[in-house]
Amino acid sequence: MVRALYPGSFDPVTNGHLDIMERASVLFNEVLVSVLRNVSKNCTFSVEERIDMIKASTGHLKNLKIVESKGLVADFAREQEAPVIIRGLRAVSDFDVELKMALMNRHLNNDLETVFLMTRAKYLYLNSSLIREIASFNGNVSDFVPPNVVERLQKKYNE
C-alpha cells in the first residue's frame, strides 16, 4: 500500500486543489490531505474551517483522509508513514520553488519522494490568494471553488 501526502494551506480550497486530490486518489492507495497550521501565514480561515470545506468537497473520494499538521512536512510524512508527497505545478515559477522544497524534504527525510502533478490548463491561473481577493470585493468566484466555499467566503467577507 502506498500512502501519499498532499500538504498545503488550502485557504481556501480551490477547484485546482480538488482536481489534484481526485487525480492523486487514483494513483495512490491512500491520500492524506495535510492542512498546514502555519504560524507565519495569516490565514483567512481556521484550520478547522479549511478541513470542513475540504471534507464537504471530497466525500466522493473514499481513499482521501483530511488531517491537520504542524511542523515540518518531511517529519509529518515520516510520522504518517507516507513515502510520497504530492505537489501541483501550474507554471515554471512553481517548479523552481517546488524543486527546492522537494530537495530539502528529501534531505530531511531520505525515504521521501515528491511527485509533481501538472495542473489542467483551466486552473493554470488559479490560486487561493486571488480567490480571497476577488471574494473580498464581492466578486463572483463560483467558477473557481466549490459551492460550500463560495458560501463561506461570502459569509466571511460580509461579516
N, C-alpha and C. Protein backbone atom coordinates (compact mmCIF):
# COMPACT_ATOMS: atom_id res chain seq x y z
N MET A 1 0.85 -1.18 0.00
CA MET A 1 0.00 0.00 0.00
C MET A 1 0.89 1.24 0.00
N VAL A 2 0.58 2.17 -0.86
CA VAL A 2 1.33 3.43 -0.91
C VAL A 2 0.42 4.57 -0.46
N ARG A 3 0.88 5.24 0.58
CA ARG A 3 0.17 6.40 1.13
C ARG A 3 0.93 7.65 0.68
N ALA A 4 0.18 8.63 0.17
CA ALA A 4 0.78 9.88 -0.27
C ALA A 4 0.23 11.02 0.58
N LEU A 5 1.05 12.05 0.71
CA LEU A 5 0.70 13.23 1.49
C LEU A 5 0.58 14.41 0.55
N TYR A 6 -0.55 15.10 0.61
CA TYR A 6 -0.75 16.32 -0.18
C TYR A 6 -0.87 17.48 0.80
N PRO A 7 0.24 18.16 1.10
CA PRO A 7 0.22 19.24 2.08
C PRO A 7 -0.11 20.59 1.44
N GLY A 8 -0.72 21.45 2.22
CA GLY A 8 -0.99 22.80 1.76
C GLY A 8 -1.77 23.58 2.79
N SER A 9 -1.88 24.88 2.55
CA SER A 9 -2.69 25.70 3.46
C SER A 9 -4.16 25.64 3.07
N PHE A 10 -4.45 25.52 1.78
CA PHE A 10 -5.83 25.38 1.29
C PHE A 10 -6.73 26.46 1.89
N ASP A 11 -6.31 27.72 1.73
CA ASP A 11 -7.00 28.85 2.36
C ASP A 11 -7.56 29.81 1.32
N PRO A 12 -8.66 29.46 0.66
CA PRO A 12 -9.47 28.25 0.77
C PRO A 12 -9.06 27.21 -0.29
N VAL A 13 -9.68 26.04 -0.18
CA VAL A 13 -9.50 25.01 -1.20
C VAL A 13 -10.13 25.50 -2.50
N THR A 14 -9.46 25.25 -3.61
CA THR A 14 -9.96 25.66 -4.93
C THR A 14 -10.27 24.42 -5.77
N ASN A 15 -10.90 24.65 -6.90
CA ASN A 15 -11.16 23.54 -7.83
C ASN A 15 -9.85 22.95 -8.35
N GLY A 16 -8.81 23.76 -8.43
CA GLY A 16 -7.50 23.25 -8.82
C GLY A 16 -6.96 22.27 -7.79
N HIS A 17 -7.07 22.62 -6.51
CA HIS A 17 -6.66 21.69 -5.44
C HIS A 17 -7.46 20.39 -5.53
N LEU A 18 -8.77 20.54 -5.70
CA LEU A 18 -9.64 19.36 -5.75
C LEU A 18 -9.29 18.46 -6.92
N ASP A 19 -8.92 19.06 -8.04
CA ASP A 19 -8.51 18.28 -9.20
C ASP A 19 -7.26 17.45 -8.88
N ILE A 20 -6.31 18.05 -8.19
CA ILE A 20 -5.10 17.31 -7.79
C ILE A 20 -5.46 16.19 -6.83
N MET A 21 -6.36 16.46 -5.87
CA MET A 21 -6.79 15.42 -4.92
C MET A 21 -7.44 14.25 -5.65
N GLU A 22 -8.32 14.56 -6.59
CA GLU A 22 -9.01 13.50 -7.33
C GLU A 22 -8.02 12.66 -8.14
N ARG A 23 -7.10 13.31 -8.81
CA ARG A 23 -6.13 12.59 -9.62
C ARG A 23 -5.17 11.78 -8.76
N ALA A 24 -4.76 12.33 -7.62
CA ALA A 24 -3.87 11.60 -6.71
C ALA A 24 -4.57 10.39 -6.12
N SER A 25 -5.87 10.51 -5.87
CA SER A 25 -6.61 9.40 -5.27
C SER A 25 -6.70 8.19 -6.21
N VAL A 26 -6.52 8.42 -7.49
CA VAL A 26 -6.50 7.32 -8.46
C VAL A 26 -5.10 6.66 -8.47
N LEU A 27 -4.09 7.44 -8.22
CA LEU A 27 -2.70 6.95 -8.30
C LEU A 27 -2.21 6.24 -7.05
N PHE A 28 -2.79 6.58 -5.89
CA PHE A 28 -2.29 6.06 -4.62
C PHE A 28 -3.41 5.38 -3.84
N ASN A 29 -3.01 4.42 -3.00
CA ASN A 29 -3.99 3.70 -2.19
C ASN A 29 -4.70 4.60 -1.20
N GLU A 30 -3.93 5.52 -0.62
CA GLU A 30 -4.49 6.47 0.34
C GLU A 30 -3.79 7.81 0.15
N VAL A 31 -4.58 8.88 0.22
CA VAL A 31 -4.04 10.24 0.13
C VAL A 31 -4.43 10.98 1.39
N LEU A 32 -3.41 11.45 2.09
CA LEU A 32 -3.63 12.29 3.27
C LEU A 32 -3.50 13.74 2.83
N VAL A 33 -4.59 14.47 2.91
CA VAL A 33 -4.55 15.91 2.63
C VAL A 33 -4.20 16.57 3.94
N SER A 34 -3.02 17.14 3.98
CA SER A 34 -2.47 17.71 5.19
C SER A 34 -2.68 19.22 5.19
N VAL A 35 -3.59 19.68 6.05
CA VAL A 35 -3.89 21.10 6.16
C VAL A 35 -2.91 21.68 7.17
N LEU A 36 -2.05 22.55 6.68
CA LEU A 36 -0.96 23.06 7.49
C LEU A 36 -1.41 24.17 8.43
N ARG A 37 -0.96 24.06 9.65
CA ARG A 37 -1.12 25.15 10.62
C ARG A 37 0.19 25.90 10.58
N ASN A 38 0.21 26.98 9.82
CA ASN A 38 1.43 27.73 9.57
C ASN A 38 1.38 29.04 10.34
N VAL A 39 2.20 29.15 11.37
CA VAL A 39 2.16 30.34 12.21
C VAL A 39 2.69 31.58 11.49
N SER A 40 3.45 31.38 10.42
CA SER A 40 3.99 32.53 9.69
C SER A 40 3.00 33.09 8.67
N LYS A 41 1.91 32.37 8.43
CA LYS A 41 0.87 32.84 7.50
C LYS A 41 -0.32 33.34 8.28
N ASN A 42 -0.90 34.42 7.82
CA ASN A 42 -2.12 34.94 8.42
C ASN A 42 -3.29 34.43 7.58
N CYS A 43 -3.82 33.28 7.95
CA CYS A 43 -4.87 32.64 7.15
C CYS A 43 -6.23 33.29 7.39
N THR A 44 -7.04 33.29 6.35
CA THR A 44 -8.40 33.81 6.43
C THR A 44 -9.30 32.86 7.20
N PHE A 45 -9.11 31.56 6.99
CA PHE A 45 -9.92 30.54 7.64
C PHE A 45 -9.08 29.75 8.63
N SER A 46 -9.71 29.33 9.71
CA SER A 46 -9.02 28.49 10.70
C SER A 46 -8.74 27.12 10.08
N VAL A 47 -7.86 26.37 10.70
CA VAL A 47 -7.57 25.02 10.23
C VAL A 47 -8.85 24.19 10.21
N GLU A 48 -9.65 24.33 11.24
CA GLU A 48 -10.90 23.57 11.33
C GLU A 48 -11.85 23.93 10.18
N GLU A 49 -11.95 25.21 9.87
CA GLU A 49 -12.81 25.63 8.75
C GLU A 49 -12.28 25.09 7.43
N ARG A 50 -10.97 25.13 7.23
CA ARG A 50 -10.39 24.62 5.99
C ARG A 50 -10.61 23.12 5.86
N ILE A 51 -10.46 22.40 6.95
CA ILE A 51 -10.71 20.95 6.94
C ILE A 51 -12.17 20.68 6.59
N ASP A 52 -13.09 21.42 7.20
CA ASP A 52 -14.52 21.25 6.92
C ASP A 52 -14.84 21.49 5.45
N MET A 53 -14.25 22.55 4.87
CA MET A 53 -14.51 22.85 3.46
C MET A 53 -14.00 21.74 2.55
N ILE A 54 -12.84 21.20 2.86
CA ILE A 54 -12.28 20.11 2.04
C ILE A 54 -13.14 18.86 2.19
N LYS A 55 -13.50 18.52 3.41
CA LYS A 55 -14.35 17.34 3.64
C LYS A 55 -15.67 17.44 2.89
N ALA A 56 -16.27 18.63 2.91
CA ALA A 56 -17.56 18.83 2.24
C ALA A 56 -17.43 18.70 0.72
N SER A 57 -16.23 18.87 0.20
CA SER A 57 -16.00 18.84 -1.24
C SER A 57 -15.44 17.52 -1.75
N THR A 58 -15.05 16.63 -0.83
CA THR A 58 -14.35 15.41 -1.26
C THR A 58 -14.98 14.13 -0.73
N GLY A 59 -16.22 14.18 -0.30
CA GLY A 59 -16.88 13.00 0.25
C GLY A 59 -16.90 11.81 -0.71
N HIS A 60 -16.84 12.09 -2.00
CA HIS A 60 -16.87 11.03 -3.01
C HIS A 60 -15.54 10.31 -3.15
N LEU A 61 -14.48 10.82 -2.55
CA LEU A 61 -13.14 10.22 -2.64
C LEU A 61 -12.89 9.40 -1.38
N LYS A 62 -13.15 8.12 -1.46
CA LYS A 62 -13.15 7.26 -0.27
C LYS A 62 -11.75 6.99 0.28
N ASN A 63 -10.71 7.16 -0.51
CA ASN A 63 -9.36 6.90 -0.01
C ASN A 63 -8.62 8.18 0.36
N LEU A 64 -9.38 9.24 0.56
CA LEU A 64 -8.82 10.54 0.96
C LEU A 64 -9.10 10.75 2.45
N LYS A 65 -8.08 11.18 3.17
CA LYS A 65 -8.23 11.49 4.59
C LYS A 65 -7.70 12.90 4.80
N ILE A 66 -8.47 13.74 5.49
CA ILE A 66 -8.09 15.12 5.72
C ILE A 66 -7.57 15.23 7.15
N VAL A 67 -6.35 15.74 7.30
CA VAL A 67 -5.72 15.82 8.61
C VAL A 67 -5.05 17.19 8.79
N GLU A 68 -4.88 17.57 10.03
CA GLU A 68 -4.12 18.78 10.35
C GLU A 68 -2.67 18.39 10.59
N SER A 69 -1.77 19.25 10.19
CA SER A 69 -0.36 19.00 10.50
C SER A 69 0.33 20.28 10.93
N LYS A 70 1.33 20.10 11.76
CA LYS A 70 2.16 21.19 12.24
C LYS A 70 3.60 20.79 11.99
N GLY A 71 4.47 21.75 11.97
CA GLY A 71 5.89 21.43 11.86
C GLY A 71 6.30 21.14 10.43
N LEU A 72 7.40 20.42 10.31
CA LEU A 72 7.99 20.14 9.01
C LEU A 72 7.22 19.04 8.27
N VAL A 73 6.97 19.26 7.00
CA VAL A 73 6.27 18.28 6.17
C VAL A 73 7.04 16.96 6.13
N ALA A 74 8.36 17.04 6.05
CA ALA A 74 9.19 15.82 5.98
C ALA A 74 9.01 14.97 7.24
N ASP A 75 8.93 15.62 8.39
CA ASP A 75 8.72 14.89 9.64
C ASP A 75 7.31 14.32 9.71
N PHE A 76 6.33 15.10 9.29
CA PHE A 76 4.94 14.63 9.32
C PHE A 76 4.77 13.43 8.38
N ALA A 77 5.39 13.48 7.21
CA ALA A 77 5.32 12.36 6.27
C ALA A 77 5.90 11.09 6.92
N ARG A 78 7.00 11.23 7.62
CA ARG A 78 7.61 10.08 8.31
C ARG A 78 6.65 9.53 9.37
N GLU A 79 6.08 10.43 10.19
CA GLU A 79 5.14 10.02 11.24
C GLU A 79 3.93 9.28 10.67
N GLN A 80 3.47 9.72 9.51
CA GLN A 80 2.28 9.14 8.88
C GLN A 80 2.60 7.95 7.97
N GLU A 81 3.88 7.61 7.90
CA GLU A 81 4.33 6.52 7.02
C GLU A 81 3.88 6.75 5.58
N ALA A 82 4.06 7.99 5.15
CA ALA A 82 3.73 8.39 3.78
C ALA A 82 5.05 8.68 3.04
N PRO A 83 5.47 7.80 2.16
CA PRO A 83 6.75 7.99 1.47
C PRO A 83 6.69 8.92 0.27
N VAL A 84 5.49 9.46 -0.01
CA VAL A 84 5.32 10.30 -1.20
C VAL A 84 4.62 11.60 -0.82
N ILE A 85 5.15 12.70 -1.36
CA ILE A 85 4.49 14.00 -1.25
C ILE A 85 3.97 14.35 -2.63
N ILE A 86 2.73 14.80 -2.69
CA ILE A 86 2.11 15.26 -3.94
C ILE A 86 2.19 16.77 -3.98
N ARG A 87 2.59 17.30 -5.11
CA ARG A 87 2.59 18.75 -5.31
C ARG A 87 2.03 19.05 -6.69
N GLY A 88 1.23 20.09 -6.77
CA GLY A 88 0.69 20.53 -8.05
C GLY A 88 1.57 21.63 -8.63
N LEU A 89 1.73 21.60 -9.93
CA LEU A 89 2.52 22.62 -10.62
C LEU A 89 1.65 23.34 -11.64
N ARG A 90 1.70 24.67 -11.60
CA ARG A 90 0.95 25.47 -12.56
C ARG A 90 1.86 26.03 -13.64
N ALA A 91 3.03 26.49 -13.26
CA ALA A 91 3.91 27.20 -14.21
C ALA A 91 5.36 26.93 -13.85
N VAL A 92 6.24 27.42 -14.70
CA VAL A 92 7.67 27.25 -14.47
C VAL A 92 8.08 27.87 -13.14
N SER A 93 7.48 28.98 -12.77
CA SER A 93 7.80 29.63 -11.50
C SER A 93 7.48 28.71 -10.31
N ASP A 94 6.40 27.94 -10.40
CA ASP A 94 6.08 26.97 -9.36
C ASP A 94 7.17 25.91 -9.27
N PHE A 95 7.65 25.46 -10.43
CA PHE A 95 8.66 24.40 -10.44
C PHE A 95 9.91 24.81 -9.68
N ASP A 96 10.35 26.04 -9.85
CA ASP A 96 11.56 26.50 -9.16
C ASP A 96 11.39 26.39 -7.65
N VAL A 97 10.28 26.87 -7.13
CA VAL A 97 10.01 26.82 -5.69
C VAL A 97 9.83 25.37 -5.24
N GLU A 98 9.04 24.61 -5.97
CA GLU A 98 8.73 23.24 -5.58
C GLU A 98 9.94 22.32 -5.64
N LEU A 99 10.81 22.53 -6.62
CA LEU A 99 12.03 21.73 -6.71
C LEU A 99 12.89 21.93 -5.47
N LYS A 100 13.06 23.16 -5.05
CA LYS A 100 13.85 23.45 -3.85
C LYS A 100 13.23 22.80 -2.61
N MET A 101 11.91 22.88 -2.50
CA MET A 101 11.24 22.24 -1.37
C MET A 101 11.41 20.73 -1.41
N ALA A 102 11.27 20.15 -2.60
CA ALA A 102 11.41 18.69 -2.74
C ALA A 102 12.81 18.24 -2.35
N LEU A 103 13.81 18.99 -2.77
CA LEU A 103 15.19 18.63 -2.44
C LEU A 103 15.45 18.76 -0.94
N MET A 104 14.92 19.80 -0.31
CA MET A 104 15.09 19.96 1.13
C MET A 104 14.34 18.87 1.89
N ASN A 105 13.11 18.55 1.45
CA ASN A 105 12.36 17.48 2.10
C ASN A 105 13.11 16.16 1.99
N ARG A 106 13.71 15.90 0.85
CA ARG A 106 14.50 14.67 0.65
C ARG A 106 15.72 14.67 1.57
N HIS A 107 16.32 15.84 1.75
CA HIS A 107 17.47 15.94 2.66
C HIS A 107 17.04 15.63 4.10
N LEU A 108 15.87 16.13 4.49
CA LEU A 108 15.37 15.93 5.85
C LEU A 108 14.82 14.53 6.07
N ASN A 109 14.37 13.89 5.01
CA ASN A 109 13.78 12.55 5.09
C ASN A 109 14.16 11.82 3.82
N ASN A 110 15.23 11.06 3.89
CA ASN A 110 15.80 10.41 2.70
C ASN A 110 14.87 9.40 2.04
N ASP A 111 13.82 8.97 2.74
CA ASP A 111 12.88 8.00 2.18
C ASP A 111 11.72 8.66 1.44
N LEU A 112 11.76 9.97 1.32
CA LEU A 112 10.64 10.72 0.78
C LEU A 112 10.82 11.06 -0.69
N GLU A 113 9.80 10.77 -1.48
CA GLU A 113 9.77 11.15 -2.90
C GLU A 113 8.69 12.23 -3.08
N THR A 114 8.93 13.13 -4.01
CA THR A 114 7.92 14.13 -4.37
C THR A 114 7.44 13.84 -5.78
N VAL A 115 6.13 13.78 -5.94
CA VAL A 115 5.52 13.56 -7.24
C VAL A 115 4.80 14.84 -7.63
N PHE A 116 5.14 15.37 -8.80
CA PHE A 116 4.52 16.59 -9.30
C PHE A 116 3.40 16.24 -10.27
N LEU A 117 2.24 16.82 -10.04
CA LEU A 117 1.12 16.67 -10.97
C LEU A 117 0.89 18.02 -11.63
N MET A 118 0.90 18.03 -12.94
CA MET A 118 0.67 19.27 -13.69
C MET A 118 -0.80 19.64 -13.62
N THR A 119 -1.05 20.92 -13.44
CA THR A 119 -2.43 21.39 -13.39
C THR A 119 -3.09 21.26 -14.77
N ARG A 120 -4.37 21.19 -14.75
CA ARG A 120 -5.11 21.27 -16.01
C ARG A 120 -5.07 22.74 -16.45
N ALA A 121 -5.11 22.97 -17.73
CA ALA A 121 -4.98 24.33 -18.28
C ALA A 121 -6.02 25.29 -17.69
N LYS A 122 -7.22 24.79 -17.44
CA LYS A 122 -8.27 25.68 -16.93
C LYS A 122 -8.02 26.18 -15.51
N TYR A 123 -7.04 25.57 -14.81
CA TYR A 123 -6.71 26.01 -13.45
C TYR A 123 -5.35 26.70 -13.39
N LEU A 124 -4.76 26.96 -14.52
CA LEU A 124 -3.39 27.48 -14.59
C LEU A 124 -3.19 28.77 -13.79
N TYR A 125 -4.15 29.65 -13.80
CA TYR A 125 -4.01 30.96 -13.16
C TYR A 125 -4.66 31.02 -11.79
N LEU A 126 -5.14 29.91 -11.29
CA LEU A 126 -5.93 29.86 -10.07
C LEU A 126 -5.05 29.70 -8.84
N ASN A 127 -5.26 30.55 -7.84
CA ASN A 127 -4.63 30.35 -6.54
C ASN A 127 -5.52 30.94 -5.45
N SER A 128 -5.32 30.47 -4.25
CA SER A 128 -6.17 30.87 -3.12
C SER A 128 -6.12 32.36 -2.84
N SER A 129 -4.95 32.97 -2.96
CA SER A 129 -4.82 34.41 -2.70
C SER A 129 -5.70 35.22 -3.63
N LEU A 130 -5.69 34.85 -4.90
CA LEU A 130 -6.51 35.54 -5.89
C LEU A 130 -8.00 35.36 -5.59
N ILE A 131 -8.38 34.16 -5.18
CA ILE A 131 -9.78 33.89 -4.83
C ILE A 131 -10.20 34.75 -3.64
N ARG A 132 -9.35 34.82 -2.62
CA ARG A 132 -9.69 35.64 -1.45
C ARG A 132 -9.83 37.11 -1.83
N GLU A 133 -8.96 37.60 -2.70
CA GLU A 133 -9.03 39.00 -3.11
C GLU A 133 -10.32 39.29 -3.86
N ILE A 134 -10.66 38.44 -4.81
CA ILE A 134 -11.90 38.63 -5.57
C ILE A 134 -13.11 38.59 -4.63
N ALA A 135 -13.12 37.60 -3.74
CA ALA A 135 -14.25 37.45 -2.82
C ALA A 135 -14.36 38.65 -1.87
N SER A 136 -13.22 39.22 -1.48
CA SER A 136 -13.25 40.36 -0.55
C SER A 136 -13.92 41.58 -1.16
N PHE A 137 -13.97 41.64 -2.49
CA PHE A 137 -14.66 42.73 -3.19
C PHE A 137 -16.01 42.28 -3.73
N ASN A 138 -16.54 41.20 -3.15
CA ASN A 138 -17.83 40.63 -3.54
C ASN A 138 -17.88 40.17 -4.99
N GLY A 139 -16.72 39.80 -5.53
CA GLY A 139 -16.68 39.26 -6.88
C GLY A 139 -17.16 37.82 -6.91
N ASN A 140 -17.53 37.37 -8.08
CA ASN A 140 -18.06 36.02 -8.26
C ASN A 140 -16.90 35.02 -8.41
N VAL A 141 -16.78 34.10 -7.47
CA VAL A 141 -15.72 33.09 -7.51
C VAL A 141 -16.29 31.68 -7.73
N SER A 142 -17.54 31.60 -8.12
CA SER A 142 -18.21 30.29 -8.22
C SER A 142 -17.63 29.38 -9.30
N ASP A 143 -16.89 29.93 -10.25
CA ASP A 143 -16.24 29.08 -11.26
C ASP A 143 -14.94 28.47 -10.75
N PHE A 144 -14.47 28.92 -9.59
CA PHE A 144 -13.13 28.57 -9.13
C PHE A 144 -13.09 27.74 -7.86
N VAL A 145 -14.19 27.73 -7.11
CA VAL A 145 -14.24 27.00 -5.84
C VAL A 145 -15.58 26.28 -5.73
N PRO A 146 -15.65 25.24 -4.90
CA PRO A 146 -16.93 24.53 -4.74
C PRO A 146 -17.98 25.41 -4.05
N PRO A 147 -19.25 25.08 -4.22
CA PRO A 147 -20.34 25.90 -3.65
C PRO A 147 -20.20 26.16 -2.15
N ASN A 148 -19.77 25.15 -1.37
CA ASN A 148 -19.65 25.37 0.07
C ASN A 148 -18.58 26.41 0.39
N VAL A 149 -17.57 26.52 -0.44
CA VAL A 149 -16.52 27.52 -0.24
C VAL A 149 -17.02 28.91 -0.63
N VAL A 150 -17.81 28.98 -1.69
CA VAL A 150 -18.42 30.26 -2.08
C VAL A 150 -19.21 30.81 -0.90
N GLU A 151 -20.03 29.96 -0.29
CA GLU A 151 -20.85 30.38 0.86
C GLU A 151 -19.99 30.86 2.01
N ARG A 152 -18.93 30.12 2.31
CA ARG A 152 -18.04 30.51 3.43
C ARG A 152 -17.34 31.83 3.14
N LEU A 153 -16.90 32.01 1.90
CA LEU A 153 -16.24 33.27 1.54
C LEU A 153 -17.20 34.45 1.65
N GLN A 154 -18.42 34.27 1.15
CA GLN A 154 -19.42 35.34 1.24
C GLN A 154 -19.70 35.70 2.69
N LYS A 155 -19.84 34.68 3.51
CA LYS A 155 -20.10 34.91 4.94
C LYS A 155 -18.91 35.63 5.58
N LYS A 156 -17.71 35.17 5.28
CA LYS A 156 -16.51 35.73 5.89
C LYS A 156 -16.34 37.20 5.54
N TYR A 157 -16.57 37.55 4.27
CA TYR A 157 -16.33 38.92 3.84
C TYR A 157 -17.52 39.85 4.02
N ASN A 158 -18.66 39.28 4.40
CA ASN A 158 -19.83 40.13 4.66
C ASN A 158 -20.07 40.29 6.15
N GLU A 159 -19.17 39.79 6.98
CA GLU A 159 -19.31 39.92 8.44
C GLU A 159 -18.99 41.33 8.87
